[in-house]
Amino acid sequence: AAPALDPGGATTPCGHPLWCEPAVQALFPTRAFRSFDRVQSGALPQHSVNSMAQDDEGVLWIATLDGVATFDGAELRAVAPVPHAPQWGPQYVVIRRRGGGVYVGGENGVHLYDGRVWDLWPTLRAPASLAEGSQLWMVDQLGELWRRDPASPSGWASQPLPEPLKPAVAVVAAGDGAVWVAGRGGVMRFDATGGGALAAGGAAPAPLTALAVASNGTLWIGTAT
């Protein structure tokens, strides 16, 4: 149960009660966030962070403009200099990989870490957004939509978008093997095979910028205004 609060008659300039410090501390832990100064964050390969994601083991992955680092709850570390690891160059997006590890999208393509070793899947253009449905989906920096297809010579199959949707800006997993894609003109859903696009909702109130799917399957849409 929440502790009883006793304002003790004191008020803020706007007229709201000024709660006593012990009660406030009980409701809001003083160490809810942790910050890092430049010495503590020296393991970051670069200080401009583009994307973060937590893997199945709780490790936080941090994509920057010049490589990737991890935080295990105690220490920041740059990724080890091993083949195919995203240890340098702009890295734009990182997402959790089903079954362990992460996907990192950077200027050389998609780096896959399965919890043991790294692999690299080259792309025509750098990824801007990634989502893992029944296969991996990508929106590239020019707003084109792709899905992973090992049978294709490039390893990727282009997914046509209706003209009102172009360019795509974000893709997110729906939780059932399908994905949601946000574009200029709204949101569409693609099934597990990459076909059967379905329009979702009406006209967007403002340019779309981001998507997120809650644990109950609810789709949340971020806009520019």
C-alpha atoms as a PDB file:
ATOM      1  CA  ALA A   1       0.000   0.000   0.000  1.00  0.00           C
ATOM      2  CA  ALA A   2       1.167   3.520  -0.689  1.00  0.00           C
ATOM      3  CA  PRO A   3       2.332   5.427   2.403  1.00  0.00           C
ATOM      4  CA  ALA A   4       0.047   8.073   3.859  1.00  0.00           C
ATOM      5  CA  LEU A   5       1.094  11.523   2.758  1.00  0.00           C
ATOM      6  CA  ASP A   6       0.971  14.488   5.131  1.00  0.00           C
ATOM      7  CA  PRO A   7       1.486  17.847   3.476  1.00  0.00           C
ATOM      8  CA  GLY A   8       1.618  19.499   6.890  1.00  0.00           C
ATOM      9  CA  GLY A   9      -0.127  22.591   5.632  1.00  0.00           C
ATOM     10  CA  ALA A  10       2.697  23.646   3.303  1.00  0.00           C
ATOM     11  CA  THR A  11       1.905  24.463  -0.306  1.00  0.00           C
ATOM     12  CA  THR A  12       3.820  25.174  -3.491  1.00  0.00           C
ATOM     13  CA  PRO A  13       3.492  28.551  -5.254  1.00  0.00           C
ATOM     14  CA  CYS A  14       0.818  27.005  -7.514  1.00  0.00           C
ATOM     15  CA  GLY A  15      -1.275  25.978  -4.492  1.00  0.00           C
ATOM     16  CA  HIS A  16      -0.538  22.230  -4.519  1.00  0.00           C
ATOM     17  CA  PRO A  17       0.449  20.517  -1.232  1.00  0.00           C
ATOM     18  CA  LEU A  18       4.173  20.198  -0.573  1.00  0.00           C
ATOM     19  CA  TRP A  19       4.584  16.563   0.493  1.00  0.00           C
ATOM     20  CA  CYS A  20       7.043  15.625   3.212  1.00  0.00           C
ATOM     21  CA  GLU A  21      10.371  14.187   2.033  1.00  0.00           C
ATOM     22  CA  PRO A  22      10.084  10.641   3.546  1.00  0.00           C
ATOM     23  CA  ALA A  23       6.767  10.033   1.804  1.00  0.00           C
ATOM     24  CA  VAL A  24       8.091  11.331  -1.517  1.00  0.00           C
ATOM     25  CA  GLN A  25      11.170   9.101  -1.260  1.00  0.00           C
ATOM     26  CA  ALA A  26       8.944   6.104  -0.553  1.00  0.00           C
ATOM     27  CA  LEU A  27       6.983   6.723  -3.740  1.00  0.00           C
ATOM     28  CA  PHE A  28       9.887   7.793  -5.957  1.00  0.00           C
ATOM     29  CA  PRO A  29      13.216   5.945  -5.379  1.00  0.00           C
ATOM     30  CA  THR A  30      16.149   8.337  -5.444  1.00  0.00           C
ATOM     31  CA  ARG A  31      18.182   6.067  -7.769  1.00  0.00           C
ATOM     32  CA  ALA A  32      15.555   5.437 -10.411  1.00  0.00           C
ATOM     33  CA  PHE A  33      18.087   6.566 -13.041  1.00  0.00           C
ATOM     34  CA  ARG A  34      21.842   6.380 -13.307  1.00  0.00           C
ATOM     35  CA  SER A  35      23.925   8.785 -15.332  1.00  0.00           C
ATOM     36  CA  PHE A  36      27.504   8.437 -16.585  1.00  0.00           C
ATOM     37  CA  ASP A  37      30.087  11.172 -16.836  1.00  0.00           C
ATOM     38  CA  ARG A  38      32.658  11.166 -19.636  1.00  0.00           C
ATOM     39  CA  VAL A  39      35.123   9.139 -17.581  1.00  0.00           C
ATOM     40  CA  GLN A  40      32.603   6.442 -16.699  1.00  0.00           C
ATOM     41  CA  SER A  41      31.256   6.345 -20.251  1.00  0.00           C
ATOM     42  CA  GLY A  42      34.721   6.133 -21.793  1.00  0.00           C
ATOM     43  CA  ALA A  43      33.952   2.625 -23.083  1.00  0.00           C
ATOM     44  CA  LEU A  44      31.359   4.064 -25.443  1.00  0.00           C
ATOM     45  CA  PRO A  45      32.970   4.142 -28.885  1.00  0.00           C
ATOM     46  CA  GLN A  46      31.132   7.419 -29.594  1.00  0.00           C
ATOM     47  CA  HIS A  47      28.832   9.626 -27.518  1.00  0.00           C
ATOM     48  CA  SER A  48      25.977  10.096 -30.011  1.00  0.00           C
ATOM     49  CA  VAL A  49      23.509   7.278 -29.267  1.00  0.00           C
ATOM     50  CA  ASN A  50      21.154   6.265 -32.083  1.00  0.00           C
ATOM     51  CA  SER A  51      19.391   3.233 -30.620  1.00  0.00           C
ATOM     52  CA  MET A  52      19.263   0.930 -27.581  1.00  0.00           C
ATOM     53  CA  ALA A  53      17.799  -2.517 -26.956  1.00  0.00           C
ATOM     54  CA  GLN A  54      17.893  -5.130 -24.191  1.00  0.00           C
ATOM     55  CA  ASP A  55      18.596  -8.760 -25.089  1.00  0.00           C
ATOM     56  CA  ASP A  56      17.091 -11.890 -23.512  1.00  0.00           C
ATOM     57  CA  GLU A  57      19.794 -11.951 -20.840  1.00  0.00           C
ATOM     58  CA  GLY A  58      19.169  -8.373 -19.743  1.00  0.00           C
ATOM     59  CA  VAL A  59      22.242  -6.863 -21.395  1.00  0.00           C
ATOM     60  CA  LEU A  60      21.676  -3.369 -22.804  1.00  0.00           C
ATOM     61  CA  TRP A  61      23.075  -2.813 -26.310  1.00  0.00           C
ATOM     62  CA  ILE A  62      23.907   0.743 -27.385  1.00  0.00           C
ATOM     63  CA  ALA A  63      24.320   1.710 -31.055  1.00  0.00           C
ATOM     64  CA  THR A  64      26.297   4.895 -31.689  1.00  0.00           C
ATOM     65  CA  LEU A  65      27.624   6.853 -34.658  1.00  0.00           C
ATOM     66  CA  ASP A  66      30.877   4.881 -34.442  1.00  0.00           C
ATOM     67  CA  GLY A  67      30.303   1.376 -33.128  1.00  0.00           C
ATOM     68  CA  VAL A  68      28.355  -0.495 -30.463  1.00  0.00           C
ATOM     69  CA  ALA A  69      28.754  -0.973 -26.712  1.00  0.00           C
ATOM     70  CA  THR A  70      27.024  -3.072 -24.051  1.00  0.00           C
ATOM     71  CA  PHE A  71      26.026  -2.439 -20.428  1.00  0.00           C
ATOM     72  CA  ASP A  72      25.534  -5.445 -18.145  1.00  0.00           C
ATOM     73  CA  GLY A  73      24.307  -3.485 -15.147  1.00  0.00           C
ATOM     74  CA  ALA A  74      27.782  -2.807 -13.841  1.00  0.00           C
ATOM     75  CA  GLU A  75      30.117  -1.865 -16.677  1.00  0.00           C
ATOM     76  CA  LEU A  76      30.063  -0.323 -20.133  1.00  0.00           C
ATOM     77  CA  ARG A  77      32.097  -2.202 -22.743  1.00  0.00           C
ATOM     78  CA  ALA A  78      32.712  -1.677 -26.448  1.00  0.00           C
ATOM     79  CA  VAL A  79      32.038  -4.796 -28.518  1.00  0.00           C
ATOM     80  CA  ALA A  80      35.048  -7.060 -28.933  1.00  0.00           C
ATOM     81  CA  PRO A  81      37.107  -6.632 -32.138  1.00  0.00           C
ATOM     82  CA  VAL A  82      36.073  -9.909 -33.760  1.00  0.00           C
ATOM     83  CA  PRO A  83      35.029 -10.651 -37.363  1.00  0.00           C
ATOM     84  CA  HIS A  84      31.698  -9.105 -38.451  1.00  0.00           C
ATOM     85  CA  ALA A  85      31.174  -7.247 -35.147  1.00  0.00           C
ATOM     86  CA  PRO A  86      29.872  -3.649 -35.443  1.00  0.00           C
ATOM     87  CA  GLN A  87      32.930  -2.175 -33.779  1.00  0.00           C
ATOM     88  CA  TRP A  88      33.188   0.959 -35.928  1.00  0.00           C
ATOM     89  CA  GLY A  89      31.192   3.146 -38.310  1.00  0.00           C
ATOM     90  CA  PRO A  90      27.656   4.513 -37.926  1.00  0.00           C
ATOM     91  CA  GLN A  91      25.214   2.036 -36.367  1.00  0.00           C
ATOM     92  CA  TYR A  92      21.622   3.215 -36.687  1.00  0.00           C
ATOM     93  CA  VAL A  93      19.386   0.630 -35.040  1.00  0.00           C
ATOM     94  CA  VAL A  94      19.617  -2.335 -32.656  1.00  0.00           C
ATOM     95  CA  ILE A  95      16.825  -4.787 -31.751  1.00  0.00           C
ATOM     96  CA  ARG A  96      16.568  -7.944 -29.657  1.00  0.00           C
ATOM     97  CA  ARG A  97      16.903 -11.219 -31.555  1.00  0.00           C
ATOM     98  CA  ARG A  98      14.433 -13.990 -30.818  1.00  0.00           C
ATOM     99  CA  GLY A  99      16.392 -16.884 -29.298  1.00  0.00           C
ATOM    100  CA  GLY A 100      19.176 -14.681 -27.958  1.00  0.00           C
ATOM    101  CA  GLY A 101      21.498 -11.935 -29.097  1.00  0.00           C
ATOM    102  CA  VAL A 102      20.701  -8.886 -31.214  1.00  0.00           C
ATOM    103  CA  TYR A 103      20.481  -7.475 -34.711  1.00  0.00           C
ATOM    104  CA  VAL A 104      22.425  -4.273 -35.386  1.00  0.00           C
ATOM    105  CA  GLY A 105      21.819  -2.211 -38.516  1.00  0.00           C
ATOM    106  CA  GLY A 106      24.729  -0.064 -39.696  1.00  0.00           C
ATOM    107  CA  GLU A 107      26.479   1.289 -42.754  1.00  0.00           C
ATOM    108  CA  ASN A 108      27.761  -2.175 -43.749  1.00  0.00           C
ATOM    109  CA  GLY A 109      24.405  -3.945 -43.398  1.00  0.00           C
ATOM    110  CA  VAL A 110      22.812  -6.027 -40.634  1.00  0.00           C
ATOM    111  CA  HIS A 111      25.124  -7.525 -38.010  1.00  0.00           C
ATOM    112  CA  LEU A 112      23.658 -10.631 -36.372  1.00  0.00           C
ATOM    113  CA  TYR A 113      24.813 -11.780 -32.930  1.00  0.00           C
ATOM    114  CA  ASP A 114      23.384 -15.128 -31.798  1.00  0.00           C
ATOM    115  CA  GLY A 115      24.878 -15.004 -28.305  1.00  0.00           C
ATOM    116  CA  ARG A 116      28.143 -16.623 -29.415  1.00  0.00           C
ATOM    117  CA  VAL A 117      29.437 -15.243 -32.717  1.00  0.00           C
ATOM    118  CA  TRP A 118      28.747 -12.398 -35.136  1.00  0.00           C
ATOM    119  CA  ASP A 119      27.625 -12.631 -38.746  1.00  0.00           C
ATOM    120  CA  LEU A 120      27.082  -9.873 -41.323  1.00  0.00           C
ATOM    121  CA  TRP A 121      24.270  -9.662 -43.858  1.00  0.00           C
ATOM    122  CA  PRO A 122      25.177  -6.930 -46.393  1.00  0.00           C
ATOM    123  CA  THR A 123      22.406  -4.606 -47.560  1.00  0.00           C
ATOM    124  CA  LEU A 124      22.035  -2.303 -50.560  1.00  0.00           C
ATOM    125  CA  ARG A 125      21.551   0.668 -48.243  1.00  0.00           C
ATOM    126  CA  ALA A 126      21.985   1.130 -44.516  1.00  0.00           C
ATOM    127  CA  PRO A 127      19.007   0.096 -42.349  1.00  0.00           C
ATOM    128  CA  ALA A 128      16.901   2.746 -40.635  1.00  0.00           C
ATOM    129  CA  SER A 129      14.517   0.347 -38.849  1.00  0.00           C
ATOM    130  CA  LEU A 130      14.468  -3.418 -38.170  1.00  0.00           C
ATOM    131  CA  ALA A 131      11.825  -5.867 -36.941  1.00  0.00           C
ATOM    132  CA  GLU A 132      11.837  -9.638 -36.496  1.00  0.00           C
ATOM    133  CA  GLY A 133       8.579 -11.276 -37.531  1.00  0.00           C
ATOM    134  CA  SER A 134       8.638 -14.718 -39.090  1.00  0.00           C
ATOM    135  CA  GLN A 135      11.753 -13.355 -40.809  1.00  0.00           C
ATOM    136  CA  LEU A 136      13.782 -10.176 -40.444  1.00  0.00           C
ATOM    137  CA  TRP A 137      12.310  -7.022 -42.000  1.00  0.00           C
ATOM    138  CA  MET A 138      14.130  -3.783 -42.767  1.00  0.00           C
ATOM    139  CA  VAL A 139      13.297  -0.229 -43.749  1.00  0.00           C
ATOM    140  CA  ASP A 140      16.357   1.309 -45.388  1.00  0.00           C
ATOM    141  CA  GLN A 141      17.574   4.898 -45.286  1.00  0.00           C
ATOM    142  CA  LEU A 142      15.584   5.783 -48.425  1.00  0.00           C
ATOM    143  CA  GLY A 143      12.331   4.388 -47.042  1.00  0.00           C
ATOM    144  CA  GLU A 144      12.198   1.133 -49.007  1.00  0.00           C
ATOM    145  CA  LEU A 145      10.935  -2.039 -47.317  1.00  0.00           C
ATOM    146  CA  TRP A 146      12.853  -5.343 -47.441  1.00  0.00           C
ATOM    147  CA  ARG A 147      12.517  -8.780 -45.892  1.00  0.00           C
ATOM    148  CA  ARG A 148      15.262 -11.324 -45.367  1.00  0.00           C
ATOM    149  CA  ASP A 149      15.253 -13.979 -48.111  1.00  0.00           C
ATOM    150  CA  PRO A 150      18.287 -16.301 -48.166  1.00  0.00           C
ATOM    151  CA  ALA A 151      17.178 -17.629 -51.576  1.00  0.00           C
ATOM    152  CA  SER A 152      17.616 -14.196 -53.163  1.00  0.00           C
ATOM    153  CA  PRO A 153      21.052 -13.403 -54.658  1.00  0.00           C
ATOM    154  CA  SER A 154      21.329 -10.366 -52.364  1.00  0.00           C
ATOM    155  CA  GLY A 155      19.841 -12.160 -49.357  1.00  0.00           C
ATOM    156  CA  TRP A 156      16.946  -9.689 -49.336  1.00  0.00           C
ATOM    157  CA  ALA A 157      13.617  -9.404 -51.156  1.00  0.00           C
ATOM    158  CA  SER A 158      12.120  -5.997 -51.876  1.00  0.00           C
ATOM    159  CA  GLN A 159       8.576  -5.623 -50.552  1.00  0.00           C
ATOM    160  CA  PRO A 160       6.470  -3.316 -52.750  1.00  0.00           C
ATOM    161  CA  LEU A 161       4.560  -0.570 -50.984  1.00  0.00           C
ATOM    162  CA  PRO A 162       1.444   1.216 -52.246  1.00  0.00           C
ATOM    163  CA  GLU A 163       2.243   4.718 -53.440  1.00  0.00           C
ATOM    164  CA  PRO A 164       0.384   6.553 -50.639  1.00  0.00           C
ATOM    165  CA  LEU A 165       2.537   4.771 -48.058  1.00  0.00           C
ATOM    166  CA  LYS A 166       5.927   5.641 -49.567  1.00  0.00           C
ATOM    167  CA  PRO A 167       8.422   6.242 -48.108  1.00  0.00           C
ATOM    168  CA  ALA A 168       8.343   3.840 -45.164  1.00  0.00           C
ATOM    169  CA  VAL A 169       9.717   5.231 -41.906  1.00  0.00           C
ATOM    170  CA  ALA A 170       9.487   2.360 -39.389  1.00  0.00           C
ATOM    171  CA  VAL A 171       8.719  -1.334 -39.018  1.00  0.00           C
ATOM    172  CA  VAL A 172       7.798  -3.266 -35.855  1.00  0.00           C
ATOM    173  CA  ALA A 173       6.928  -6.902 -35.106  1.00  0.00           C
ATOM    174  CA  ALA A 174       3.243  -7.605 -34.449  1.00  0.00           C
ATOM    175  CA  GLY A 175       3.960 -10.641 -32.263  1.00  0.00           C
ATOM    176  CA  ASP A 176       2.334 -13.254 -34.506  1.00  0.00           C
ATOM    177  CA  GLY A 177       4.929 -13.405 -37.283  1.00  0.00           C
ATOM    178  CA  ALA A 178       3.488 -10.369 -39.044  1.00  0.00           C
ATOM    179  CA  VAL A 179       4.834  -6.805 -38.985  1.00  0.00           C
ATOM    180  CA  TRP A 180       3.424  -3.296 -38.984  1.00  0.00           C
ATOM    181  CA  VAL A 181       4.964  -0.718 -41.327  1.00  0.00           C
ATOM    182  CA  ALA A 182       4.540   3.039 -40.944  1.00  0.00           C
ATOM    183  CA  GLY A 183       4.821   5.261 -43.983  1.00  0.00           C
ATOM    184  CA  ARG A 184       3.955   8.704 -45.223  1.00  0.00           C
ATOM    185  CA  GLY A 185       0.273   7.911 -45.647  1.00  0.00           C
ATOM    186  CA  GLY A 186      -0.479   5.667 -42.682  1.00  0.00           C
ATOM    187  CA  VAL A 187       0.179   2.157 -41.372  1.00  0.00           C
ATOM    188  CA  MET A 188      -0.038  -1.250 -43.051  1.00  0.00           C
ATOM    189  CA  ARG A 189       0.259  -4.822 -41.814  1.00  0.00           C
ATOM    190  CA  PHE A 190       2.175  -7.515 -43.678  1.00  0.00           C
ATOM    191  CA  ASP A 191       1.589 -11.168 -42.906  1.00  0.00           C
ATOM    192  CA  ALA A 192       4.205 -13.801 -42.168  1.00  0.00           C
ATOM    193  CA  THR A 193       4.826 -14.590 -45.847  1.00  0.00           C
ATOM    194  CA  GLY A 194       5.334 -10.985 -46.883  1.00  0.00           C
ATOM    195  CA  GLY A 195       2.002 -10.778 -48.722  1.00  0.00           C
ATOM    196  CA  GLY A 196      -1.530  -9.740 -47.936  1.00  0.00           C
ATOM    197  CA  ALA A 197      -0.966  -6.138 -46.928  1.00  0.00           C
ATOM    198  CA  LEU A 198      -3.925  -4.735 -45.014  1.00  0.00           C
ATOM    199  CA  ALA A 199      -4.645  -1.053 -44.480  1.00  0.00           C
ATOM    200  CA  ALA A 200      -4.979  -0.024 -40.853  1.00  0.00           C
ATOM    201  CA  GLY A 201      -7.085   2.814 -39.544  1.00  0.00           C
ATOM    202  CA  GLY A 202      -7.758   6.142 -41.186  1.00  0.00           C
ATOM    203  CA  ALA A 203      -5.620   9.082 -42.197  1.00  0.00           C
ATOM    204  CA  ALA A 204      -2.737   9.923 -39.896  1.00  0.00           C
ATOM    205  CA  PRO A 205      -3.110  13.194 -37.939  1.00  0.00           C
ATOM    206  CA  ALA A 206       0.542  14.105 -38.592  1.00  0.00           C
ATOM    207  CA  PRO A 207       3.633  12.586 -40.247  1.00  0.00           C
ATOM    208  CA  LEU A 208       4.382   9.220 -38.621  1.00  0.00           C
ATOM    209  CA  THR A 209       7.770   8.748 -36.968  1.00  0.00           C
ATOM    210  CA  ALA A 210       7.709   5.597 -34.800  1.00  0.00           C
ATOM    211  CA  LEU A 211       5.804   2.405 -33.961  1.00  0.00           C
ATOM    212  CA  ALA A 212       5.617   0.213 -30.862  1.00  0.00           C
ATOM    213  CA  VAL A 213       3.577  -2.892 -30.041  1.00  0.00           C
ATOM    214  CA  ALA A 214       2.518  -3.483 -26.430  1.00  0.00           C
ATOM    215  CA  SER A 215       2.517  -6.919 -24.806  1.00  0.00           C
ATOM    216  CA  ASN A 216      -1.243  -7.166 -25.367  1.00  0.00           C
ATOM    217  CA  GLY A 217      -0.826  -6.542 -29.103  1.00  0.00           C
ATOM    218  CA  THR A 218      -1.926  -2.906 -29.075  1.00  0.00           C
ATOM    219  CA  LEU A 219      -0.163  -0.841 -31.737  1.00  0.00           C
ATOM    220  CA  TRP A 220       1.108   2.586 -30.676  1.00  0.00           C
ATOM    221  CA  ILE A 221       1.957   5.211 -33.296  1.00  0.00           C
ATOM    222  CA  GLY A 222       4.242   8.216 -32.798  1.00  0.00           C
ATOM    223  CA  THR A 223       3.854  11.322 -34.941  1.00  0.00           C
ATOM    224  CA  ALA A 224       5.941  14.419 -35.610  1.00  0.00           C
ATOM    225  CA  THR A 225       3.518  16.711 -33.773  1.00  0.00           C
END
